[in-house]
C-alpha atoms as a PDB file:
ATOM      1  CA  ARG A   1      -0.070   0.235   0.374  1.00  0.00           C
ATOM      2  CA  GLY A   2       1.560   3.448  -1.406  1.00  0.00           C
ATOM      3  CA  ASP A   3       1.741   6.595   1.181  1.00  0.00           C
ATOM      4  CA  PHE A   4      -1.216   8.503   0.889  1.00  0.00           C
ATOM      5  CA  ASP A   5       0.231  12.489  -0.130  1.00  0.00           C
ATOM      6  CA  ILE A   6      -3.098  14.408   0.507  1.00  0.00           C
ATOM      7  CA  ASP A   7      -0.860  17.824  -1.660  1.00  0.00           C
ATOM      8  CA  LYS A   8      -0.494  16.074  -4.668  1.00  0.00           C
ATOM      9  CA  ALA A   9      -4.070  14.515  -4.228  1.00  0.00           C
ATOM     10  CA  VAL A  10      -5.755  18.101  -4.157  1.00  0.00           C
ATOM     11  CA  ASP A  11      -3.354  19.467  -6.948  1.00  0.00           C
ATOM     12  CA  PHE A  12      -5.082  16.720  -9.062  1.00  0.00           C
ATOM     13  CA  VAL A  13      -8.319  17.002  -8.115  1.00  0.00           C
ATOM     14  CA  GLN A  14      -8.029  21.016  -9.042  1.00  0.00           C
ATOM     15  CA  GLU A  15      -6.242  20.340 -12.633  1.00  0.00           C
ATOM     16  CA  ALA A  16      -9.054  18.730 -13.365  1.00  0.00           C
ATOM     17  CA  ALA A  17     -11.509  20.375 -12.559  1.00  0.00           C
ATOM     18  CA  GLU A  18      -9.856  23.821 -13.609  1.00  0.00           C
ATOM     19  CA  GLY A  19      -9.649  21.503 -17.161  1.00  0.00           C
ATOM     20  CA  GLU A  20     -13.188  21.011 -16.933  1.00  0.00           C
ATOM     21  CA  VAL A  21     -14.259  24.178 -15.817  1.00  0.00           C
ATOM     22  CA  ALA A  22     -11.768  25.858 -18.813  1.00  0.00           C
ATOM     23  CA  ARG A  23     -13.635  22.819 -21.557  1.00  0.00           C
ATOM     24  CA  LEU A  24     -17.404  24.448 -20.916  1.00  0.00           C
ATOM     25  CA  VAL A  25     -16.277  27.900 -21.256  1.00  0.00           C
ATOM     26  CA  ASP A  26     -14.726  27.280 -25.030  1.00  0.00           C
ATOM     27  CA  LEU A  27     -17.868  25.610 -25.641  1.00  0.00           C
ATOM     28  CA  VAL A  28     -19.779  28.600 -24.507  1.00  0.00           C
ATOM     29  CA  ARG A  29     -17.325  30.675 -26.065  1.00  0.00           C
ATOM     30  CA  ARG A  30     -18.107  28.148 -29.852  1.00  0.00           C
ATOM     31  CA  TYR A  31     -21.787  28.331 -29.298  1.00  0.00           C
ATOM     32  CA  ALA A  32     -21.889  31.487 -28.706  1.00  0.00           C
ATOM     33  CA  CYS A  33     -19.761  32.280 -31.904  1.00  0.00           C
ATOM     34  CA  HIS A  34     -22.088  29.883 -33.580  1.00  0.00           C
ATOM     35  CA  GLN A  35     -24.730  32.354 -32.307  1.00  0.00           C
ATOM     36  CA  VAL A  36     -23.588  35.519 -34.093  1.00  0.00           C
ATOM     37  CA  ASP A  37     -22.194  34.134 -37.353  1.00  0.00           C
ATOM     38  CA  LEU A  38     -25.933  33.185 -37.615  1.00  0.00           C
ATOM     39  CA  ALA A  39     -27.511  36.723 -37.125  1.00  0.00           C
ATOM     40  CA  MET A  40     -24.487  38.334 -38.893  1.00  0.00           C
ATOM     41  CA  ALA A  41     -24.825  36.406 -41.798  1.00  0.00           C
ATOM     42  CA  SER A  42     -28.782  36.772 -41.758  1.00  0.00           C
ATOM     43  CA  ALA A  43     -29.588  40.582 -41.578  1.00  0.00           C
ATOM     44  CA  PRO A  44     -27.734  43.072 -43.936  1.00  0.00           C
ATOM     45  CA  PRO A  45     -25.110  45.331 -43.288  1.00  0.00           C
ATOM     46  CA  LEU A  46     -25.785  48.711 -41.423  1.00  0.00           C
ATOM     47  CA  GLU A  47     -23.473  51.141 -39.320  1.00  0.00           C
ATOM     48  CA  VAL A  48     -25.010  51.660 -35.395  1.00  0.00           C
ATOM     49  CA  SER A  49     -24.902  53.105 -32.811  1.00  0.00           C
ATOM     50  CA  ILE A  50     -23.549  51.873 -29.035  1.00  0.00           C
ATOM     51  CA  GLY A  51     -27.193  51.633 -28.581  1.00  0.00           C
ATOM     52  CA  VAL A  52     -27.918  49.813 -31.206  1.00  0.00           C
ATOM     53  CA  VAL A  53     -25.785  47.487 -31.196  1.00  0.00           C
ATOM     54  CA  ARG A  54     -26.468  46.622 -27.498  1.00  0.00           C
ATOM     55  CA  SER A  55     -30.170  45.428 -28.736  1.00  0.00           C
ATOM     56  CA  PHE A  56     -28.117  43.482 -31.033  1.00  0.00           C
ATOM     57  CA  CYS A  57     -26.601  41.532 -28.795  1.00  0.00           C
ATOM     58  CA  ASP A  58     -29.620  41.164 -26.895  1.00  0.00           C
ATOM     59  CA  ASP A  59     -31.632  39.367 -29.771  1.00  0.00           C
ATOM     60  CA  ILE A  60     -28.871  37.155 -31.039  1.00  0.00           C
ATOM     61  CA  SER A  61     -28.200  36.410 -26.735  1.00  0.00           C
ATOM     62  CA  ARG A  62     -32.551  35.701 -26.390  1.00  0.00           C
ATOM     63  CA  LYS A  63     -32.263  33.629 -29.320  1.00  0.00           C
ATOM     64  CA  ALA A  64     -28.900  31.729 -27.690  1.00  0.00           C
ATOM     65  CA  SER A  65     -31.050  31.145 -24.668  1.00  0.00           C
ATOM     66  CA  GLU A  66     -33.471  28.877 -26.358  1.00  0.00           C
ATOM     67  CA  GLN A  67     -32.469  25.726 -24.737  1.00  0.00           C
ATOM     68  CA  THR A  68     -33.719  23.728 -28.208  1.00  0.00           C
ATOM     69  CA  SER A  69     -31.336  26.052 -29.945  1.00  0.00           C
ATOM     70  CA  PHE A  70     -28.200  25.164 -27.519  1.00  0.00           C
ATOM     71  CA  GLU A  71     -29.376  20.843 -27.983  1.00  0.00           C
ATOM     72  CA  GLN A  72     -29.295  21.426 -32.019  1.00  0.00           C
ATOM     73  CA  TRP A  73     -25.898  22.619 -32.241  1.00  0.00           C
ATOM     74  CA  LEU A  74     -24.893  20.712 -29.053  1.00  0.00           C
ATOM     75  CA  ARG A  75     -25.617  17.482 -31.070  1.00  0.00           C
ATOM     76  CA  THR A  76     -23.124  19.189 -34.082  1.00  0.00           C
ATOM     77  CA  ALA A  77     -20.224  20.170 -31.584  1.00  0.00           C
ATOM     78  CA  SER A  78     -17.554  17.425 -33.090  1.00  0.00           C
ATOM     79  CA  ASP A  79     -15.992  17.420 -29.796  1.00  0.00           C
ATOM     80  CA  VAL A  80     -19.434  16.695 -27.668  1.00  0.00           C
ATOM     81  CA  ASP A  81     -19.723  13.164 -26.369  1.00  0.00           C
ATOM     82  CA  LEU A  82     -22.822  12.385 -26.150  1.00  0.00           C
ATOM     83  CA  SER A  83     -22.944   9.089 -25.652  1.00  0.00           C
ATOM     84  CA  ALA A  84     -22.949   8.826 -21.728  1.00  0.00           C
ATOM     85  CA  LYS A  85     -26.032   8.741 -20.132  1.00  0.00           C
ATOM     86  CA  GLN A  86     -25.816  11.573 -18.697  1.00  0.00           C
ATOM     87  CA  SER A  87     -23.937  13.986 -20.994  1.00  0.00           C
ATOM     88  CA  LEU A  88     -27.128  15.257 -22.569  1.00  0.00           C
ATOM     89  CA  PRO A  89     -28.849  15.898 -19.269  1.00  0.00           C
ATOM     90  CA  PHE A  90     -25.757  17.636 -17.343  1.00  0.00           C
ATOM     91  CA  PHE A  91     -25.346  20.054 -20.442  1.00  0.00           C
ATOM     92  CA  LYS A  92     -29.094  20.917 -19.772  1.00  0.00           C
ATOM     93  CA  SER A  93     -28.972  21.840 -16.344  1.00  0.00           C
ATOM     94  CA  PHE A  94     -25.265  23.938 -17.517  1.00  0.00           C
ATOM     95  CA  PHE A  95     -27.670  25.603 -19.861  1.00  0.00           C
ATOM     96  CA  GLN A  96     -30.194  27.567 -17.743  1.00  0.00           C
ATOM     97  CA  THR A  97     -27.342  27.992 -14.771  1.00  0.00           C
ATOM     98  CA  GLN A  98     -26.710  31.973 -14.894  1.00  0.00           C
ATOM     99  CA  LEU A  99     -23.138  30.897 -15.495  1.00  0.00           C
ATOM    100  CA  PHE A 100     -23.847  29.406 -18.725  1.00  0.00           C
ATOM    101  CA  LEU A 101     -26.167  32.683 -19.763  1.00  0.00           C
ATOM    102  CA  ASP A 102     -23.485  35.444 -18.158  1.00  0.00           C
ATOM    103  CA  LEU A 103     -20.385  33.088 -20.136  1.00  0.00           C
ATOM    104  CA  MET A 104     -22.419  33.318 -23.012  1.00  0.00           C
ATOM    105  CA  GLU A 105     -23.426  36.914 -22.923  1.00  0.00           C
ATOM    106  CA  ARG A 106     -20.150  38.114 -22.244  1.00  0.00           C
ATOM    107  CA  HIS A 107     -18.630  35.830 -25.602  1.00  0.00           C
ATOM    108  CA  VAL A 108     -21.685  37.264 -27.636  1.00  0.00           C
ATOM    109  CA  SER A 109     -21.145  41.449 -27.004  1.00  0.00           C
ATOM    110  CA  ALA A 110     -17.108  40.413 -26.964  1.00  0.00           C
ATOM    111  CA  MET A 111     -17.667  39.150 -30.681  1.00  0.00           C
ATOM    112  CA  VAL A 112     -19.573  41.312 -32.059  1.00  0.00           C
ATOM    113  CA  ALA A 113     -17.640  44.042 -31.058  1.00  0.00           C
ATOM    114  CA  GLU A 114     -14.738  42.342 -32.230  1.00  0.00           C
ATOM    115  CA  ARG A 115     -16.697  41.908 -35.696  1.00  0.00           C
ATOM    116  CA  ARG A 116     -18.496  45.790 -35.698  1.00  0.00           C
ATOM    117  CA  GLU A 117     -14.190  46.576 -35.850  1.00  0.00           C
ATOM    118  CA  ARG A 118     -14.162  44.814 -39.884  1.00  0.00           C
ATOM    119  CA  LYS A 119     -17.177  45.561 -41.148  1.00  0.00           C
ATOM    120  CA  PRO A 120     -20.998  47.803 -40.906  1.00  0.00           C
ATOM    121  CA  MET A 121     -23.602  45.388 -38.381  1.00  0.00           C
ATOM    122  CA  PRO A 122     -26.261  44.990 -38.946  1.00  0.00           C
ATOM    123  CA  ALA A 123     -29.357  45.989 -38.131  1.00  0.00           C
ATOM    124  CA  ALA A 124     -30.681  45.083 -35.130  1.00  0.00           C
ATOM    125  CA  GLY A 125     -34.130  42.836 -35.109  1.00  0.00           C
ATOM    126  CA  ASP A 126     -33.532  41.886 -38.702  1.00  0.00           C
ATOM    127  CA  GLY A 127     -32.737  38.036 -39.519  1.00  0.00           C
END
């Protein structure tokens, strides 16, 4: 029987948890990117004010907050394994957390701002 090293165990668990959290953050970022791409592709370009940009971001976040939209995207994500019995229920639960919604809104806003610098924005409510 080997010696039990509590410090090594704590480090191992912390690294594993950090890795999973980073994976979830990346998943939310990719989903938000997908939603921004869809919104920008389906709306005509238009130079806009800050208020209109916020409204556009809110529209994207509202559409992305629909669980069926997330589930549909999740089923097509190439690196998400939904074969385990608890995978989809886990992601459905995660989708309903404030953490998910806050991360998604933050990523949507950042991506819209980044893309706004590259090309004119679509009008809010279009598409």
